[in-house]
Amino acid sequence: MQIYDVSVAISPDLPIWPGDPSASLERIARIENGDLANVTFLRMGAHVGTHVDAPYHFLGGDKPTVDQLDLKDLTGRVYVLRIPDEVDLVTAEVLEKGEIPPRTRRLMLKTRNSSFWAASGSTFRTDYVGLSPDGAQYLVNRGIRLVGIDYLGIAPFSDPVPTHQILLTAGVIILEGLNLSHVPPGRYSLYCLPVKLAGSDGAPARTILIGV
């Protein structure tokens, strides 16, 4: 059985969305200092590293928060779609050419973004490949319930709102910050479990794929 960990490790060196706080991990108790155990104090935003966006993130009001998401949407069969490196924006046309298998309900977009994790260090890249609004609507129309991408935003950096709103209004869960560099395209079993943060608009998620 092949297991792929598609999460990125949270550390102070991890790129973060501009304006968000950097992750801070501070050892507040140490065995070598005479403490009974090692204890780490963690400070970070809810959208650090590999994370899930809940509808409340861009819609507010009474929309579901991350602790209210249906775990059935976060686990199950998923298709990893390879997007050619020359693609700068994942549009409906690009998705249609990708020939997503029928009855696909969970989709991960593997783009050139995955190479950023090894090459860019802590520098946030604004030139990442995102999903266009018409691409988002295409996925909604196909019945997609979860869509993931291999950088910190599903939408283009220059215009993040429309894509988010289209997906989240339709109840599509957004999974951002994946590292798919080592994952061949194809079908997998997905296990994505965001931290159960009460009332939060998002949460980090340890995410794995298992070959089927």
Protein backbone atom coordinates (compact mmCIF):
# COMPACT_ATOMS: atom_id res chain seq x y z
CA MET A 1 0.00 0.00 0.00
CA GLN A 2 1.44 3.35 -1.08
CA ILE A 3 0.77 6.29 1.26
CA TYR A 4 1.54 9.85 0.15
CA ASP A 5 1.72 12.59 2.75
CA VAL A 6 0.66 15.67 0.76
CA SER A 7 0.82 18.03 3.74
CA VAL A 8 3.58 20.57 4.22
CA ALA A 9 5.37 20.75 7.57
CA ILE A 10 4.42 23.76 9.67
CA SER A 11 7.46 25.75 10.76
CA PRO A 12 8.55 29.38 11.10
CA ASP A 13 10.18 29.05 7.65
CA LEU A 14 6.94 28.15 5.87
CA PRO A 15 5.59 30.73 3.39
CA ILE A 16 2.41 32.41 4.62
CA TRP A 17 -0.24 34.51 2.92
CA PRO A 18 0.78 38.21 3.03
CA GLY A 19 -0.60 39.80 6.20
CA ASP A 20 -1.08 36.53 8.06
CA PRO A 21 1.09 35.79 11.12
CA SER A 22 4.09 33.51 10.66
CA ALA A 23 3.94 30.22 12.47
CA SER A 24 5.79 30.29 15.79
CA LEU A 25 6.81 27.14 17.68
CA GLU A 26 8.42 27.91 21.02
CA ARG A 27 9.71 25.28 23.44
CA ILE A 28 8.38 26.45 26.83
CA ALA A 29 9.51 23.40 28.80
CA ARG A 30 12.60 21.29 28.24
CA ILE A 31 13.69 18.01 29.77
CA GLU A 32 17.34 19.12 29.60
CA ASN A 33 16.40 22.12 31.79
CA GLY A 34 14.90 19.89 34.46
CA ASP A 35 11.27 19.99 33.29
CA LEU A 36 9.22 16.79 33.36
CA ALA A 37 8.52 16.90 29.61
CA ASN A 38 9.17 18.88 26.44
CA VAL A 39 6.25 21.25 25.77
CA THR A 40 5.82 23.47 22.70
CA PHE A 41 3.77 26.68 22.51
CA LEU A 42 2.24 27.16 19.08
CA ARG A 43 1.05 30.42 17.53
CA MET A 44 -0.25 30.59 13.96
CA GLY A 45 -3.13 31.58 11.71
CA ALA A 46 -5.89 29.15 10.79
CA HIS A 47 -4.82 29.17 7.12
CA VAL A 48 -1.21 28.13 7.57
CA GLY A 49 0.35 25.40 5.45
CA THR A 50 -1.97 22.67 4.23
CA HIS A 51 -5.41 23.82 5.32
CA VAL A 52 -9.14 23.75 4.66
CA ASP A 53 -11.34 26.75 3.87
CA ALA A 54 -14.89 26.56 5.25
CA PRO A 55 -17.79 28.54 3.71
CA TYR A 56 -17.67 30.99 6.62
CA HIS A 57 -14.23 32.15 5.40
CA PHE A 58 -15.60 34.25 2.50
CA LEU A 59 -19.35 34.20 3.13
CA GLY A 60 -19.72 34.91 6.85
CA GLY A 61 -23.18 34.99 8.39
CA ASP A 62 -24.52 31.60 9.40
CA LYS A 63 -22.45 29.65 6.87
CA PRO A 64 -20.68 26.50 8.10
CA THR A 65 -17.43 26.84 10.01
CA VAL A 66 -14.64 24.28 9.81
CA ASP A 67 -15.92 22.20 12.72
CA GLN A 68 -19.26 21.82 10.92
CA LEU A 69 -17.91 20.38 7.68
CA ASP A 70 -19.12 16.95 6.59
CA LEU A 71 -16.33 14.41 7.04
CA LYS A 72 -17.82 12.41 4.17
CA ASP A 73 -16.67 15.15 1.81
CA LEU A 74 -13.19 15.16 3.36
CA THR A 75 -12.59 11.42 2.98
CA GLY A 76 -13.06 9.09 0.03
CA ARG A 77 -12.04 8.70 -3.59
CA VAL A 78 -10.15 11.60 -5.13
CA TYR A 79 -8.64 12.26 -8.54
CA VAL A 80 -5.29 14.04 -8.95
CA LEU A 81 -5.33 15.98 -12.22
CA ARG A 82 -2.01 17.03 -13.75
CA ILE A 83 -2.17 20.57 -15.12
CA PRO A 84 0.51 21.31 -17.75
CA ASP A 85 3.34 23.56 -16.57
CA GLU A 86 2.61 26.17 -19.23
CA VAL A 87 -0.86 26.83 -17.77
CA ASP A 88 -0.97 30.07 -15.74
CA LEU A 89 -4.68 29.92 -14.87
CA VAL A 90 -6.89 26.85 -14.55
CA THR A 91 -9.96 27.75 -16.57
CA ALA A 92 -13.03 25.75 -17.55
CA GLU A 93 -11.37 25.04 -20.90
CA VAL A 94 -8.26 23.66 -19.19
CA LEU A 95 -10.38 21.44 -16.93
CA GLU A 96 -12.44 20.16 -19.84
CA LYS A 97 -9.28 19.20 -21.71
CA GLY A 98 -8.09 17.41 -18.57
CA GLU A 99 -10.79 14.78 -18.98
CA ILE A 100 -11.77 14.44 -15.34
CA PRO A 101 -13.28 10.98 -14.87
CA PRO A 102 -17.09 10.75 -14.60
CA ARG A 103 -18.59 10.76 -11.09
CA THR A 104 -15.49 12.45 -9.63
CA ARG A 105 -16.52 14.23 -6.42
CA ARG A 106 -13.09 15.19 -5.05
CA LEU A 107 -10.38 16.74 -7.20
CA MET A 108 -6.79 17.83 -6.63
CA LEU A 109 -5.05 20.11 -9.09
CA LYS A 110 -1.36 19.29 -9.52
CA THR A 111 0.28 22.31 -11.13
CA ARG A 112 3.78 23.71 -11.37
CA ASN A 113 3.09 25.19 -7.92
CA SER A 114 4.28 22.00 -6.22
CA SER A 115 7.86 22.80 -7.22
CA PHE A 116 7.67 26.02 -5.17
CA TRP A 117 7.80 24.18 -1.86
CA ALA A 118 11.36 23.00 -2.43
CA ALA A 119 12.64 25.97 -4.43
CA SER A 120 11.20 29.09 -2.79
CA GLY A 121 12.04 28.69 0.89
CA SER A 122 9.97 31.04 3.03
CA THR A 123 9.24 33.49 0.20
CA PHE A 124 5.56 33.76 -0.75
CA ARG A 125 5.03 33.41 -4.50
CA THR A 126 2.36 35.63 -6.03
CA ASP A 127 2.80 34.01 -9.44
CA TYR A 128 1.21 30.72 -8.41
CA VAL A 129 -1.32 28.98 -10.64
CA GLY A 130 -4.91 29.48 -9.45
CA LEU A 131 -8.41 28.47 -10.46
CA SER A 132 -10.44 31.01 -12.46
CA PRO A 133 -14.08 31.86 -11.64
CA ASP A 134 -15.32 30.05 -14.75
CA GLY A 135 -13.18 27.06 -13.75
CA ALA A 136 -14.77 27.12 -10.31
CA GLN A 137 -18.24 27.20 -11.84
CA TYR A 138 -17.31 24.31 -14.13
CA LEU A 139 -16.41 22.20 -11.07
CA VAL A 140 -19.62 23.18 -9.29
CA ASN A 141 -21.63 22.16 -12.34
CA ARG A 142 -19.86 18.79 -12.38
CA GLY A 143 -20.85 18.09 -8.79
CA ILE A 144 -17.39 18.41 -7.24
CA ARG A 145 -17.61 18.50 -3.42
CA LEU A 146 -13.94 19.16 -2.60
CA VAL A 147 -11.17 20.79 -4.64
CA GLY A 148 -7.54 21.03 -3.63
CA ILE A 149 -4.58 22.91 -5.07
CA ASP A 150 -0.84 22.86 -4.47
CA TYR A 151 -0.28 26.36 -3.12
CA LEU A 152 -1.70 28.67 -0.46
CA GLY A 153 -4.61 30.02 -2.53
CA ILE A 154 -7.19 28.37 -4.79
CA ALA A 155 -7.84 31.64 -6.62
CA PRO A 156 -5.42 33.91 -8.50
CA PHE A 157 -3.53 36.23 -6.16
CA SER A 158 -4.73 39.30 -8.05
CA ASP A 159 -8.45 38.52 -7.58
CA PRO A 160 -9.13 35.97 -4.81
CA VAL A 161 -12.79 36.66 -4.04
CA PRO A 162 -14.91 35.40 -7.00
CA THR A 163 -13.44 31.88 -7.16
CA HIS A 164 -13.79 31.42 -3.40
CA GLN A 165 -17.35 32.70 -3.37
CA ILE A 166 -18.47 30.47 -6.24
CA LEU A 167 -17.06 27.34 -4.64
CA LEU A 168 -18.05 28.05 -1.05
CA THR A 169 -21.58 29.22 -1.94
CA ALA A 170 -22.08 25.82 -3.57
CA GLY A 171 -20.75 24.09 -0.46
CA VAL A 172 -17.51 22.96 -2.10
CA ILE A 173 -14.74 22.47 0.46
CA ILE A 174 -11.46 24.14 -0.51
CA LEU A 175 -8.17 22.45 0.36
CA GLU A 176 -5.10 24.64 -0.08
CA GLY A 177 -1.36 24.28 0.49
CA LEU A 178 -0.92 20.74 -0.85
CA ASN A 179 2.43 19.38 -1.95
CA LEU A 180 1.76 17.06 -4.88
CA SER A 181 5.27 17.05 -6.34
CA HIS A 182 5.79 13.37 -5.54
CA VAL A 183 2.28 12.18 -6.45
CA PRO A 184 1.55 10.71 -9.90
CA PRO A 185 -1.78 11.74 -11.48
CA GLY A 186 -4.64 9.32 -10.97
CA ARG A 187 -7.13 7.98 -8.45
CA TYR A 188 -6.49 7.74 -4.70
CA SER A 189 -8.25 7.46 -1.39
CA LEU A 190 -8.17 10.80 0.44
CA TYR A 191 -8.01 11.31 4.19
CA CYS A 192 -8.14 14.99 5.09
CA LEU A 193 -8.86 15.85 8.71
CA PRO A 194 -8.73 19.56 9.62
CA VAL A 195 -8.16 20.46 13.24
CA LYS A 196 -11.57 20.82 14.89
CA LEU A 197 -11.43 24.54 15.71
CA ALA A 198 -14.81 25.68 17.01
CA GLY A 199 -16.30 28.52 14.97
CA SER A 200 -13.24 28.94 12.74
CA ASP A 201 -13.22 29.88 9.05
CA GLY A 202 -10.48 27.32 8.39
CA ALA A 203 -7.95 24.98 9.94
CA PRO A 204 -4.69 23.21 9.18
CA ALA A 205 -5.20 19.63 7.99
CA ARG A 206 -2.92 16.60 7.88
CA THR A 207 -3.76 15.18 4.48
CA ILE A 208 -2.76 11.86 2.96
CA LEU A 209 -3.47 9.95 -0.23
CA ILE A 210 -3.49 6.16 -0.44
CA GLY A 211 -3.04 4.42 -3.75
CA VAL A 212 -6.02 2.41 -4.94
